[in-house]
């Protein structure tokens, strides 16, 4: 009987090990394919930004992006006045005549998009002295090829950032180019 118990434990350990390894591999495959799924099923939008090219010793060259949608003016704010820093904010964006998405409404409560509108989530930062609400979207860095930072430093105009927004709210920068 002791022999049966020992062989049963060995069988269980072997199968448990296989299940754990399989789940880890499956997790890695899902994480790796998530970026492709965002591009395939997400809404692609264009946002206006101003670039700034810092350099990080550990991460290399990147462009720091400051979007026009980071500022929510009081006329577009439909949320609570007691919003705390780092709270989730929902921003309803609508394209203008140049297909650049602009703020239509913002709130700390979920908003519904209709037609070509898109809802994007961000984190509330603060309200400034002009009562403008500041929001961060977690996509303010765009890493560029090493040594190409000077190219972006010479751009004095605004830029267009192409972003994919997944149905579940994840965002991915697809491209950054100079505004025409």
C-alpha atoms as a PDB file:
ATOM      1  CA  UNK A   1       0.000   0.000   0.000  1.00  0.00           C
ATOM      2  CA  UNK A   2       2.876   2.312   0.729  1.00  0.00           C
ATOM      3  CA  UNK A   3       4.249   1.471  -2.721  1.00  0.00           C
ATOM      4  CA  UNK A   4       0.908   2.458  -4.328  1.00  0.00           C
ATOM      5  CA  UNK A   5       0.874   5.763  -2.505  1.00  0.00           C
ATOM      6  CA  UNK A   6       4.441   6.552  -3.563  1.00  0.00           C
ATOM      7  CA  UNK A   7       3.754   5.765  -7.238  1.00  0.00           C
ATOM      8  CA  UNK A   8       0.539   7.804  -7.073  1.00  0.00           C
ATOM      9  CA  UNK A   9       2.429  10.810  -5.698  1.00  0.00           C
ATOM     10  CA  UNK A  10       5.058  10.482  -8.434  1.00  0.00           C
ATOM     11  CA  UNK A  11       2.309  10.383 -11.068  1.00  0.00           C
ATOM     12  CA  UNK A  12       0.626  13.450  -9.552  1.00  0.00           C
ATOM     13  CA  UNK A  13       3.902  15.416  -9.318  1.00  0.00           C
ATOM     14  CA  UNK A  14       4.769  14.599 -12.930  1.00  0.00           C
ATOM     15  CA  UNK A  15       1.394  15.729 -14.252  1.00  0.00           C
ATOM     16  CA  UNK A  16       1.313  18.794 -12.023  1.00  0.00           C
ATOM     17  CA  UNK A  17       4.742  19.801 -13.356  1.00  0.00           C
ATOM     18  CA  UNK A  18       3.520  19.412 -16.967  1.00  0.00           C
ATOM     19  CA  UNK A  19       0.405  21.500 -16.238  1.00  0.00           C
ATOM     20  CA  UNK A  20       2.444  24.289 -14.607  1.00  0.00           C
ATOM     21  CA  UNK A  21       4.959  24.418 -17.477  1.00  0.00           C
ATOM     22  CA  UNK A  22       2.127  24.430 -20.032  1.00  0.00           C
ATOM     23  CA  UNK A  23       0.375  27.318 -18.250  1.00  0.00           C
ATOM     24  CA  UNK A  24       3.613  29.334 -18.159  1.00  0.00           C
ATOM     25  CA  UNK A  25       4.202  28.809 -21.889  1.00  0.00           C
ATOM     26  CA  UNK A  26       0.586  29.703 -22.630  1.00  0.00           C
ATOM     27  CA  UNK A  27       0.913  32.890 -20.553  1.00  0.00           C
ATOM     28  CA  UNK A  28       4.051  33.919 -22.466  1.00  0.00           C
ATOM     29  CA  UNK A  29       2.379  33.292 -25.837  1.00  0.00           C
ATOM     30  CA  UNK A  30      -0.647  35.395 -24.827  1.00  0.00           C
ATOM     31  CA  UNK A  31       1.564  38.254 -23.597  1.00  0.00           C
ATOM     32  CA  UNK A  32       3.654  38.188 -26.784  1.00  0.00           C
ATOM     33  CA  UNK A  33       0.637  38.179 -29.084  1.00  0.00           C
ATOM     34  CA  UNK A  34      -1.278  40.873 -27.172  1.00  0.00           C
ATOM     35  CA  UNK A  35       0.432  43.726 -29.068  1.00  0.00           C
ATOM     36  CA  UNK A  36      -0.631  42.210 -32.385  1.00  0.00           C
ATOM     37  CA  UNK A  37      -4.197  41.745 -31.157  1.00  0.00           C
ATOM     38  CA  UNK A  38      -4.368  45.434 -30.139  1.00  0.00           C
ATOM     39  CA  UNK A  39      -3.367  46.488 -33.664  1.00  0.00           C
ATOM     40  CA  UNK A  40      -5.791  44.058 -35.297  1.00  0.00           C
ATOM     41  CA  UNK A  41      -8.915  44.684 -33.214  1.00  0.00           C
ATOM     42  CA  UNK A  42      -8.286  48.136 -31.729  1.00  0.00           C
ATOM     43  CA  UNK A  43      -9.469  51.525 -32.949  1.00  0.00           C
ATOM     44  CA  UNK A  44      -6.662  53.444 -34.628  1.00  0.00           C
ATOM     45  CA  UNK A  45      -6.686  57.128 -33.731  1.00  0.00           C
ATOM     46  CA  UNK A  46      -4.413  60.126 -34.372  1.00  0.00           C
ATOM     47  CA  UNK A  47      -3.402  62.477 -31.566  1.00  0.00           C
ATOM     48  CA  UNK A  48      -1.590  65.807 -31.666  1.00  0.00           C
ATOM     49  CA  UNK A  49       1.542  66.147 -29.576  1.00  0.00           C
ATOM     50  CA  UNK A  50       4.684  68.153 -29.070  1.00  0.00           C
ATOM     51  CA  UNK A  51       7.903  66.135 -28.871  1.00  0.00           C
ATOM     52  CA  UNK A  52      10.788  66.507 -26.509  1.00  0.00           C
ATOM     53  CA  UNK A  53      13.842  64.305 -26.975  1.00  0.00           C
ATOM     54  CA  UNK A  54      15.557  63.326 -23.739  1.00  0.00           C
ATOM     55  CA  UNK A  55      18.048  60.491 -23.403  1.00  0.00           C
ATOM     56  CA  UNK A  56      18.071  57.824 -20.737  1.00  0.00           C
ATOM     57  CA  UNK A  57      21.319  56.021 -19.971  1.00  0.00           C
ATOM     58  CA  UNK A  58      19.513  52.735 -19.338  1.00  0.00           C
ATOM     59  CA  UNK A  59      16.784  52.866 -22.003  1.00  0.00           C
ATOM     60  CA  UNK A  60      18.415  54.844 -24.834  1.00  0.00           C
ATOM     61  CA  UNK A  61      16.777  57.452 -27.060  1.00  0.00           C
ATOM     62  CA  UNK A  62      13.103  58.183 -26.745  1.00  0.00           C
ATOM     63  CA  UNK A  63      10.679  60.992 -27.443  1.00  0.00           C
ATOM     64  CA  UNK A  64       8.726  62.367 -24.516  1.00  0.00           C
ATOM     65  CA  UNK A  65       5.216  63.097 -25.813  1.00  0.00           C
ATOM     66  CA  UNK A  66       2.904  65.788 -24.459  1.00  0.00           C
ATOM     67  CA  UNK A  67      -0.586  65.384 -25.944  1.00  0.00           C
ATOM     68  CA  UNK A  68      -3.138  68.140 -26.356  1.00  0.00           C
ATOM     69  CA  UNK A  69      -5.663  65.738 -24.791  1.00  0.00           C
ATOM     70  CA  UNK A  70      -3.643  65.780 -21.541  1.00  0.00           C
ATOM     71  CA  UNK A  71      -5.453  69.037 -20.703  1.00  0.00           C
ATOM     72  CA  UNK A  72      -9.191  68.801 -20.054  1.00  0.00           C
ATOM     73  CA  UNK A  73     -10.759  72.266 -20.015  1.00  0.00           C
ATOM     74  CA  UNK A  74     -13.659  72.900 -17.610  1.00  0.00           C
ATOM     75  CA  UNK A  75     -16.262  72.990 -20.423  1.00  0.00           C
ATOM     76  CA  UNK A  76     -15.450  69.333 -21.250  1.00  0.00           C
ATOM     77  CA  UNK A  77     -15.333  68.081 -17.654  1.00  0.00           C
ATOM     78  CA  UNK A  78     -18.451  66.187 -16.569  1.00  0.00           C
ATOM     79  CA  UNK A  79     -16.978  64.378 -13.594  1.00  0.00           C
ATOM     80  CA  UNK A  80     -16.898  64.838  -9.886  1.00  0.00           C
ATOM     81  CA  UNK A  81     -15.116  67.840  -8.440  1.00  0.00           C
ATOM     82  CA  UNK A  82     -13.548  65.618  -5.760  1.00  0.00           C
ATOM     83  CA  UNK A  83     -11.377  63.504  -8.051  1.00  0.00           C
ATOM     84  CA  UNK A  84      -8.207  62.284  -6.407  1.00  0.00           C
ATOM     85  CA  UNK A  85      -4.786  62.013  -8.072  1.00  0.00           C
ATOM     86  CA  UNK A  86      -4.189  58.704  -9.886  1.00  0.00           C
ATOM     87  CA  UNK A  87      -7.921  57.966 -10.149  1.00  0.00           C
ATOM     88  CA  UNK A  88      -9.083  56.459 -13.476  1.00  0.00           C
ATOM     89  CA  UNK A  89     -10.562  59.042 -15.851  1.00  0.00           C
ATOM     90  CA  UNK A  90     -12.526  58.300 -19.045  1.00  0.00           C
ATOM     91  CA  UNK A  91     -12.055  60.699 -21.934  1.00  0.00           C
ATOM     92  CA  UNK A  92     -14.386  60.708 -24.933  1.00  0.00           C
ATOM     93  CA  UNK A  93     -12.519  61.657 -28.112  1.00  0.00           C
ATOM     94  CA  UNK A  94     -13.984  62.714 -31.446  1.00  0.00           C
ATOM     95  CA  UNK A  95     -12.082  63.311 -34.698  1.00  0.00           C
ATOM     96  CA  UNK A  96     -11.933  66.810 -36.178  1.00  0.00           C
ATOM     97  CA  UNK A  97     -11.921  67.645 -39.919  1.00  0.00           C
ATOM     98  CA  UNK A  98      -8.253  66.520 -40.173  1.00  0.00           C
ATOM     99  CA  UNK A  99      -8.990  63.180 -38.432  1.00  0.00           C
ATOM    100  CA  UNK A 100      -7.112  64.246 -35.293  1.00  0.00           C
ATOM    101  CA  UNK A 101      -8.934  63.172 -32.160  1.00  0.00           C
ATOM    102  CA  UNK A 102      -9.891  65.909 -29.689  1.00  0.00           C
ATOM    103  CA  UNK A 103     -11.554  65.868 -26.265  1.00  0.00           C
ATOM    104  CA  UNK A 104     -15.337  65.903 -26.417  1.00  0.00           C
ATOM    105  CA  UNK A 105     -16.015  65.001 -22.770  1.00  0.00           C
ATOM    106  CA  UNK A 106     -14.224  63.660 -19.705  1.00  0.00           C
ATOM    107  CA  UNK A 107     -15.406  62.162 -16.445  1.00  0.00           C
ATOM    108  CA  UNK A 108     -14.468  59.873 -13.606  1.00  0.00           C
ATOM    109  CA  UNK A 109     -17.487  57.769 -14.645  1.00  0.00           C
ATOM    110  CA  UNK A 110     -17.581  55.561 -17.756  1.00  0.00           C
ATOM    111  CA  UNK A 111     -18.572  57.290 -20.992  1.00  0.00           C
ATOM    112  CA  UNK A 112     -20.177  55.748 -24.070  1.00  0.00           C
ATOM    113  CA  UNK A 113     -18.741  56.244 -27.565  1.00  0.00           C
ATOM    114  CA  UNK A 114     -20.993  56.567 -30.610  1.00  0.00           C
ATOM    115  CA  UNK A 115     -20.057  56.441 -34.280  1.00  0.00           C
ATOM    116  CA  UNK A 116     -16.421  57.419 -34.811  1.00  0.00           C
ATOM    117  CA  UNK A 117     -15.870  58.449 -31.174  1.00  0.00           C
ATOM    118  CA  UNK A 118     -13.436  56.585 -28.927  1.00  0.00           C
ATOM    119  CA  UNK A 119     -13.195  56.384 -25.142  1.00  0.00           C
ATOM    120  CA  UNK A 120      -9.680  56.282 -23.753  1.00  0.00           C
ATOM    121  CA  UNK A 121      -8.793  55.877 -20.087  1.00  0.00           C
ATOM    122  CA  UNK A 122      -6.111  57.750 -18.221  1.00  0.00           C
ATOM    123  CA  UNK A 123      -5.021  58.700 -14.731  1.00  0.00           C
ATOM    124  CA  UNK A 124      -6.034  61.969 -13.145  1.00  0.00           C
ATOM    125  CA  UNK A 125      -3.073  64.135 -12.134  1.00  0.00           C
ATOM    126  CA  UNK A 126      -4.386  67.459 -10.815  1.00  0.00           C
ATOM    127  CA  UNK A 127      -6.390  70.603 -11.546  1.00  0.00           C
ATOM    128  CA  UNK A 128      -4.298  73.703 -12.219  1.00  0.00           C
ATOM    129  CA  UNK A 129      -4.953  77.326 -11.270  1.00  0.00           C
ATOM    130  CA  UNK A 130      -6.976  77.856 -14.504  1.00  0.00           C
ATOM    131  CA  UNK A 131      -9.250  74.933 -13.490  1.00  0.00           C
ATOM    132  CA  UNK A 132      -7.821  72.766 -16.296  1.00  0.00           C
ATOM    133  CA  UNK A 133      -7.773  69.074 -15.375  1.00  0.00           C
ATOM    134  CA  UNK A 134      -4.498  67.265 -16.191  1.00  0.00           C
ATOM    135  CA  UNK A 135      -4.643  63.622 -17.253  1.00  0.00           C
ATOM    136  CA  UNK A 136      -1.890  61.127 -18.092  1.00  0.00           C
ATOM    137  CA  UNK A 137      -2.529  58.223 -20.480  1.00  0.00           C
ATOM    138  CA  UNK A 138       0.556  56.110 -19.820  1.00  0.00           C
ATOM    139  CA  UNK A 139       1.907  56.521 -23.339  1.00  0.00           C
ATOM    140  CA  UNK A 140       4.174  59.510 -23.026  1.00  0.00           C
ATOM    141  CA  UNK A 141       7.381  57.760 -24.131  1.00  0.00           C
ATOM    142  CA  UNK A 142       8.090  56.529 -27.632  1.00  0.00           C
ATOM    143  CA  UNK A 143      11.422  54.752 -27.949  1.00  0.00           C
ATOM    144  CA  UNK A 144      13.332  55.458 -31.134  1.00  0.00           C
ATOM    145  CA  UNK A 145      16.303  53.904 -32.846  1.00  0.00           C
ATOM    146  CA  UNK A 146      19.590  54.707 -31.149  1.00  0.00           C
ATOM    147  CA  UNK A 147      21.219  57.815 -32.625  1.00  0.00           C
ATOM    148  CA  UNK A 148      18.092  59.194 -34.343  1.00  0.00           C
ATOM    149  CA  UNK A 149      17.236  61.628 -31.531  1.00  0.00           C
ATOM    150  CA  UNK A 150      18.833  64.583 -33.330  1.00  0.00           C
ATOM    151  CA  UNK A 151      16.393  64.083 -36.187  1.00  0.00           C
ATOM    152  CA  UNK A 152      13.467  64.616 -33.808  1.00  0.00           C
ATOM    153  CA  UNK A 153      15.170  67.520 -32.024  1.00  0.00           C
ATOM    154  CA  UNK A 154      15.144  69.482 -35.286  1.00  0.00           C
ATOM    155  CA  UNK A 155      11.368  69.215 -35.619  1.00  0.00           C
ATOM    156  CA  UNK A 156       9.914  72.466 -34.306  1.00  0.00           C
ATOM    157  CA  UNK A 157       6.311  71.758 -35.176  1.00  0.00           C
ATOM    158  CA  UNK A 158       3.670  69.582 -33.640  1.00  0.00           C
ATOM    159  CA  UNK A 159       3.581  65.879 -34.382  1.00  0.00           C
ATOM    160  CA  UNK A 160       0.873  63.307 -35.037  1.00  0.00           C
ATOM    161  CA  UNK A 161       0.924  60.105 -32.999  1.00  0.00           C
ATOM    162  CA  UNK A 162      -0.973  57.097 -34.333  1.00  0.00           C
ATOM    163  CA  UNK A 163      -2.342  55.020 -31.461  1.00  0.00           C
ATOM    164  CA  UNK A 164      -4.270  51.741 -31.364  1.00  0.00           C
ATOM    165  CA  UNK A 165      -6.832  51.511 -28.546  1.00  0.00           C
ATOM    166  CA  UNK A 166      -8.070  47.994 -27.807  1.00  0.00           C
ATOM    167  CA  UNK A 167     -11.694  47.248 -26.880  1.00  0.00           C
ATOM    168  CA  UNK A 168     -10.506  46.463 -23.334  1.00  0.00           C
ATOM    169  CA  UNK A 169      -8.717  49.829 -23.015  1.00  0.00           C
ATOM    170  CA  UNK A 170      -5.056  49.002 -23.629  1.00  0.00           C
ATOM    171  CA  UNK A 171      -3.161  51.550 -25.753  1.00  0.00           C
ATOM    172  CA  UNK A 172      -0.189  51.169 -28.081  1.00  0.00           C
ATOM    173  CA  UNK A 173       1.726  53.835 -30.025  1.00  0.00           C
ATOM    174  CA  UNK A 174       2.070  52.701 -33.634  1.00  0.00           C
ATOM    175  CA  UNK A 175       3.817  55.672 -35.226  1.00  0.00           C
ATOM    176  CA  UNK A 176       5.009  59.238 -34.651  1.00  0.00           C
ATOM    177  CA  UNK A 177       5.384  61.638 -37.566  1.00  0.00           C
ATOM    178  CA  UNK A 178       5.714  65.354 -38.210  1.00  0.00           C
ATOM    179  CA  UNK A 179       2.424  67.206 -38.679  1.00  0.00           C
ATOM    180  CA  UNK A 180       1.927  68.609 -42.166  1.00  0.00           C
END
